[in-house]
Amino acid sequence: MTDHHPSHFTPVDTHDTEHPVFYINTQAPLSDLASSAAHRFTVVRDLMDSLSSLPLTDISDCDLTRITRNVHLLTREGCAVLEIIQWRAAQES
């Protein structure tokens, strides 16, 4: 993230569409932003824990593709929220 001031709502770049649909409220309380990011990373961890406990022979290519797409999306969203938190923390210090 650059040092410029983000708008009140900044788009989440998920590469779904040409025009952003999902936005982050950059002025939300830091605790809410952190909770949102943590929730996404917890879901990613849980998905990966479930995946790692299965024998690879029990996982279809289709299921693996679905899981990795979800992990990728949730990770991108969590990282986007963390960037806002980092920017806000730098501005407050």
N, C-alpha and C. Protein backbone atom coordinates (compact mmCIF):
# COMPACT_ATOMS: atom_id res chain seq x y z
N MET A 1 0.84 -1.18 0.00
CA MET A 1 0.00 0.00 0.00
C MET A 1 0.88 1.24 0.00
N THR A 2 0.49 2.25 -0.69
CA THR A 2 1.27 3.47 -0.77
C THR A 2 0.98 4.37 0.41
N ASP A 3 1.69 5.49 0.49
CA ASP A 3 1.52 6.41 1.61
C ASP A 3 0.35 7.38 1.43
N HIS A 4 -0.31 7.33 0.28
CA HIS A 4 -1.44 8.22 0.09
C HIS A 4 -2.62 7.80 0.96
N HIS A 5 -3.49 8.74 1.21
CA HIS A 5 -4.65 8.46 2.04
C HIS A 5 -5.68 7.69 1.23
N PRO A 6 -6.03 6.49 1.68
CA PRO A 6 -7.06 5.75 0.94
C PRO A 6 -8.42 6.39 1.14
N SER A 7 -9.31 6.19 0.19
CA SER A 7 -10.67 6.72 0.35
C SER A 7 -11.36 5.99 1.50
N HIS A 8 -12.51 6.50 1.89
CA HIS A 8 -13.24 5.91 3.02
C HIS A 8 -13.53 4.43 2.75
N PHE A 9 -13.85 4.10 1.52
CA PHE A 9 -14.06 2.72 1.12
C PHE A 9 -13.08 2.40 0.00
N THR A 10 -12.27 1.38 0.22
CA THR A 10 -11.28 1.00 -0.79
C THR A 10 -11.66 -0.38 -1.35
N PRO A 11 -11.54 -0.54 -2.66
CA PRO A 11 -11.95 -1.82 -3.25
C PRO A 11 -11.03 -2.97 -2.87
N VAL A 12 -11.61 -4.14 -2.77
CA VAL A 12 -10.85 -5.37 -2.56
C VAL A 12 -10.61 -5.95 -3.95
N ASP A 13 -9.35 -6.08 -4.31
CA ASP A 13 -8.99 -6.58 -5.64
C ASP A 13 -9.00 -8.10 -5.64
N THR A 14 -10.12 -8.67 -6.08
CA THR A 14 -10.22 -10.13 -6.14
C THR A 14 -10.20 -10.64 -7.57
N HIS A 15 -10.04 -9.75 -8.53
CA HIS A 15 -9.97 -10.11 -9.95
C HIS A 15 -11.24 -10.79 -10.44
N ASP A 16 -12.35 -10.56 -9.78
CA ASP A 16 -13.61 -11.19 -10.20
C ASP A 16 -14.23 -10.46 -11.39
N THR A 17 -14.15 -9.15 -11.35
CA THR A 17 -14.82 -8.33 -12.35
C THR A 17 -13.94 -7.16 -12.74
N GLU A 18 -14.34 -6.51 -13.80
CA GLU A 18 -13.61 -5.32 -14.24
C GLU A 18 -13.81 -4.16 -13.27
N HIS A 19 -15.00 -4.11 -12.66
CA HIS A 19 -15.32 -3.04 -11.71
C HIS A 19 -15.47 -3.64 -10.33
N PRO A 20 -14.82 -3.03 -9.32
CA PRO A 20 -14.89 -3.58 -7.96
C PRO A 20 -16.32 -3.65 -7.43
N VAL A 21 -16.56 -4.68 -6.66
CA VAL A 21 -17.86 -4.87 -6.03
C VAL A 21 -17.72 -4.85 -4.51
N PHE A 22 -16.64 -5.43 -4.00
CA PHE A 22 -16.42 -5.51 -2.56
C PHE A 22 -15.44 -4.42 -2.12
N TYR A 23 -15.77 -3.78 -1.01
CA TYR A 23 -14.97 -2.67 -0.49
C TYR A 23 -14.69 -2.87 0.99
N ILE A 24 -13.59 -2.27 1.45
CA ILE A 24 -13.25 -2.26 2.87
C ILE A 24 -13.50 -0.85 3.39
N ASN A 25 -14.17 -0.77 4.52
CA ASN A 25 -14.37 0.51 5.19
C ASN A 25 -13.06 0.85 5.90
N THR A 26 -12.28 1.74 5.32
CA THR A 26 -10.95 2.06 5.87
C THR A 26 -11.04 2.81 7.20
N GLN A 27 -12.21 3.34 7.52
CA GLN A 27 -12.37 4.09 8.77
C GLN A 27 -13.01 3.25 9.88
N ALA A 28 -13.25 1.98 9.62
CA ALA A 28 -13.80 1.09 10.66
C ALA A 28 -12.81 1.02 11.81
N PRO A 29 -13.29 0.75 13.01
CA PRO A 29 -12.37 0.61 14.14
C PRO A 29 -11.31 -0.46 13.85
N LEU A 30 -10.08 -0.19 14.28
CA LEU A 30 -8.99 -1.14 14.04
C LEU A 30 -9.32 -2.52 14.58
N SER A 31 -10.02 -2.57 15.70
CA SER A 31 -10.37 -3.89 16.26
C SER A 31 -11.30 -4.66 15.33
N ASP A 32 -12.20 -3.96 14.65
CA ASP A 32 -13.10 -4.62 13.69
C ASP A 32 -12.33 -5.07 12.45
N LEU A 33 -11.41 -4.23 11.99
CA LEU A 33 -10.59 -4.61 10.84
C LEU A 33 -9.74 -5.84 11.18
N ALA A 34 -9.12 -5.81 12.35
CA ALA A 34 -8.27 -6.93 12.76
C ALA A 34 -9.10 -8.20 12.92
N SER A 35 -10.29 -8.09 13.46
CA SER A 35 -11.16 -9.24 13.62
C SER A 35 -11.56 -9.83 12.27
N SER A 36 -11.83 -8.96 11.32
CA SER A 36 -12.21 -9.41 9.97
C SER A 36 -11.06 -10.16 9.31
N ALA A 37 -9.86 -9.61 9.40
CA ALA A 37 -8.69 -10.28 8.81
C ALA A 37 -8.43 -11.60 9.53
N ALA A 38 -8.49 -11.58 10.85
CA ALA A 38 -8.23 -12.79 11.63
C ALA A 38 -9.23 -13.89 11.28
N HIS A 39 -10.49 -13.51 11.09
CA HIS A 39 -11.51 -14.50 10.74
C HIS A 39 -11.16 -15.18 9.41
N ARG A 40 -10.75 -14.40 8.43
CA ARG A 40 -10.40 -14.98 7.14
C ARG A 40 -9.20 -15.92 7.25
N PHE A 41 -8.20 -15.51 8.00
CA PHE A 41 -7.02 -16.36 8.14
C PHE A 41 -7.32 -17.61 8.97
N THR A 42 -8.24 -17.51 9.92
CA THR A 42 -8.65 -18.69 10.69
C THR A 42 -9.38 -19.69 9.79
N VAL A 43 -10.24 -19.20 8.92
CA VAL A 43 -10.93 -20.08 7.98
C VAL A 43 -9.92 -20.75 7.05
N VAL A 44 -8.95 -19.97 6.57
CA VAL A 44 -7.90 -20.55 5.70
C VAL A 44 -7.14 -21.64 6.45
N ARG A 45 -6.76 -21.35 7.70
CA ARG A 45 -6.05 -22.35 8.50
C ARG A 45 -6.88 -23.61 8.67
N ASP A 46 -8.15 -23.44 8.98
CA ASP A 46 -9.03 -24.60 9.18
C ASP A 46 -9.18 -25.41 7.89
N LEU A 47 -9.34 -24.73 6.76
CA LEU A 47 -9.42 -25.44 5.48
C LEU A 47 -8.14 -26.22 5.20
N MET A 48 -7.01 -25.60 5.46
CA MET A 48 -5.73 -26.26 5.21
C MET A 48 -5.51 -27.41 6.18
N ASP A 49 -5.94 -27.26 7.43
CA ASP A 49 -5.85 -28.36 8.40
C ASP A 49 -6.69 -29.55 7.93
N SER A 50 -7.90 -29.26 7.46
CA SER A 50 -8.76 -30.33 6.96
C SER A 50 -8.13 -31.02 5.75
N LEU A 51 -7.59 -30.23 4.87
CA LEU A 51 -6.98 -30.77 3.67
C LEU A 51 -5.75 -31.61 4.00
N SER A 52 -4.95 -31.15 4.94
CA SER A 52 -3.72 -31.86 5.26
C SER A 52 -3.97 -33.17 6.01
N SER A 53 -5.16 -33.31 6.59
CA SER A 53 -5.45 -34.54 7.34
C SER A 53 -6.00 -35.66 6.45
N LEU A 54 -6.28 -35.34 5.20
CA LEU A 54 -6.84 -36.34 4.29
C LEU A 54 -5.73 -36.97 3.44
N PRO A 55 -5.85 -38.25 3.17
CA PRO A 55 -4.91 -38.86 2.21
C PRO A 55 -5.14 -38.24 0.83
N LEU A 56 -4.08 -37.94 0.12
CA LEU A 56 -4.21 -37.30 -1.19
C LEU A 56 -5.07 -38.12 -2.15
N THR A 57 -5.11 -39.41 -1.96
CA THR A 57 -5.93 -40.25 -2.84
C THR A 57 -7.42 -40.04 -2.62
N ASP A 58 -7.79 -39.43 -1.47
CA ASP A 58 -9.21 -39.18 -1.17
C ASP A 58 -9.69 -37.82 -1.66
N ILE A 59 -8.81 -37.04 -2.27
CA ILE A 59 -9.17 -35.69 -2.70
C ILE A 59 -9.23 -35.65 -4.22
N SER A 60 -10.39 -35.29 -4.74
CA SER A 60 -10.51 -35.19 -6.20
C SER A 60 -9.87 -33.88 -6.67
N ASP A 61 -9.51 -33.85 -7.92
CA ASP A 61 -8.95 -32.63 -8.50
C ASP A 61 -9.93 -31.47 -8.40
N CYS A 62 -11.19 -31.78 -8.59
CA CYS A 62 -12.23 -30.77 -8.52
C CYS A 62 -12.31 -30.17 -7.11
N ASP A 63 -12.29 -31.03 -6.10
CA ASP A 63 -12.34 -30.56 -4.71
C ASP A 63 -11.11 -29.74 -4.37
N LEU A 64 -9.97 -30.19 -4.81
CA LEU A 64 -8.72 -29.48 -4.54
C LEU A 64 -8.75 -28.09 -5.19
N THR A 65 -9.28 -28.01 -6.39
CA THR A 65 -9.41 -26.72 -7.08
C THR A 65 -10.34 -25.80 -6.31
N ARG A 66 -11.46 -26.31 -5.84
CA ARG A 66 -12.40 -25.49 -5.07
C ARG A 66 -11.77 -24.98 -3.78
N ILE A 67 -11.07 -25.84 -3.10
CA ILE A 67 -10.44 -25.45 -1.84
C ILE A 67 -9.37 -24.40 -2.08
N THR A 68 -8.53 -24.60 -3.08
CA THR A 68 -7.46 -23.63 -3.32
C THR A 68 -8.01 -22.29 -3.78
N ARG A 69 -9.08 -22.28 -4.53
CA ARG A 69 -9.70 -21.01 -4.94
C ARG A 69 -10.23 -20.26 -3.72
N ASN A 70 -10.86 -20.99 -2.81
CA ASN A 70 -11.38 -20.36 -1.59
C ASN A 70 -10.25 -19.84 -0.71
N VAL A 71 -9.22 -20.65 -0.56
CA VAL A 71 -8.06 -20.22 0.24
C VAL A 71 -7.44 -18.97 -0.37
N HIS A 72 -7.30 -18.95 -1.67
CA HIS A 72 -6.72 -17.80 -2.35
C HIS A 72 -7.56 -16.54 -2.13
N LEU A 73 -8.87 -16.66 -2.31
CA LEU A 73 -9.76 -15.52 -2.14
C LEU A 73 -9.73 -14.99 -0.71
N LEU A 74 -9.85 -15.87 0.27
CA LEU A 74 -9.84 -15.45 1.67
C LEU A 74 -8.49 -14.84 2.06
N THR A 75 -7.41 -15.38 1.52
CA THR A 75 -6.08 -14.83 1.82
C THR A 75 -5.94 -13.44 1.23
N ARG A 76 -6.39 -13.25 -0.01
CA ARG A 76 -6.33 -11.92 -0.64
C ARG A 76 -7.12 -10.90 0.16
N GLU A 77 -8.32 -11.29 0.59
CA GLU A 77 -9.16 -10.38 1.38
C GLU A 77 -8.50 -10.05 2.71
N GLY A 78 -7.98 -11.07 3.39
CA GLY A 78 -7.31 -10.84 4.67
C GLY A 78 -6.10 -9.93 4.52
N CYS A 79 -5.33 -10.15 3.48
CA CYS A 79 -4.15 -9.30 3.24
C CYS A 79 -4.55 -7.86 2.92
N ALA A 80 -5.65 -7.67 2.18
CA ALA A 80 -6.13 -6.32 1.88
C ALA A 80 -6.51 -5.59 3.16
N VAL A 81 -7.16 -6.29 4.09
CA VAL A 81 -7.52 -5.67 5.36
C VAL A 81 -6.26 -5.36 6.17
N LEU A 82 -5.30 -6.27 6.18
CA LEU A 82 -4.04 -6.02 6.89
C LEU A 82 -3.30 -4.80 6.34
N GLU A 83 -3.37 -4.59 5.03
CA GLU A 83 -2.74 -3.40 4.45
C GLU A 83 -3.37 -2.12 4.99
N ILE A 84 -4.68 -2.11 5.15
CA ILE A 84 -5.37 -0.95 5.72
C ILE A 84 -4.93 -0.76 7.17
N ILE A 85 -4.86 -1.84 7.92
CA ILE A 85 -4.43 -1.75 9.32
C ILE A 85 -3.01 -1.19 9.40
N GLN A 86 -2.12 -1.69 8.55
CA GLN A 86 -0.74 -1.20 8.54
C GLN A 86 -0.68 0.28 8.20
N TRP A 87 -1.45 0.70 7.21
CA TRP A 87 -1.46 2.10 6.83
C TRP A 87 -1.97 2.96 7.98
N ARG A 88 -3.06 2.53 8.60
CA ARG A 88 -3.62 3.29 9.73
C ARG A 88 -2.65 3.35 10.90
N ALA A 89 -2.00 2.23 11.20
CA ALA A 89 -1.04 2.21 12.32
C ALA A 89 0.13 3.14 12.04
N ALA A 90 0.59 3.18 10.81
CA ALA A 90 1.70 4.08 10.45
C ALA A 90 1.28 5.54 10.58
N GLN A 91 0.03 5.84 10.27
CA GLN A 91 -0.47 7.22 10.36
C GLN A 91 -0.62 7.66 11.81
N GLU A 92 -0.92 6.70 12.69
CA GLU A 92 -1.15 7.03 14.10
C GLU A 92 0.14 7.12 14.90
N SER A 93 1.23 6.61 14.32
CA SER A 93 2.49 6.65 15.09
C SER A 93 3.32 7.85 14.76
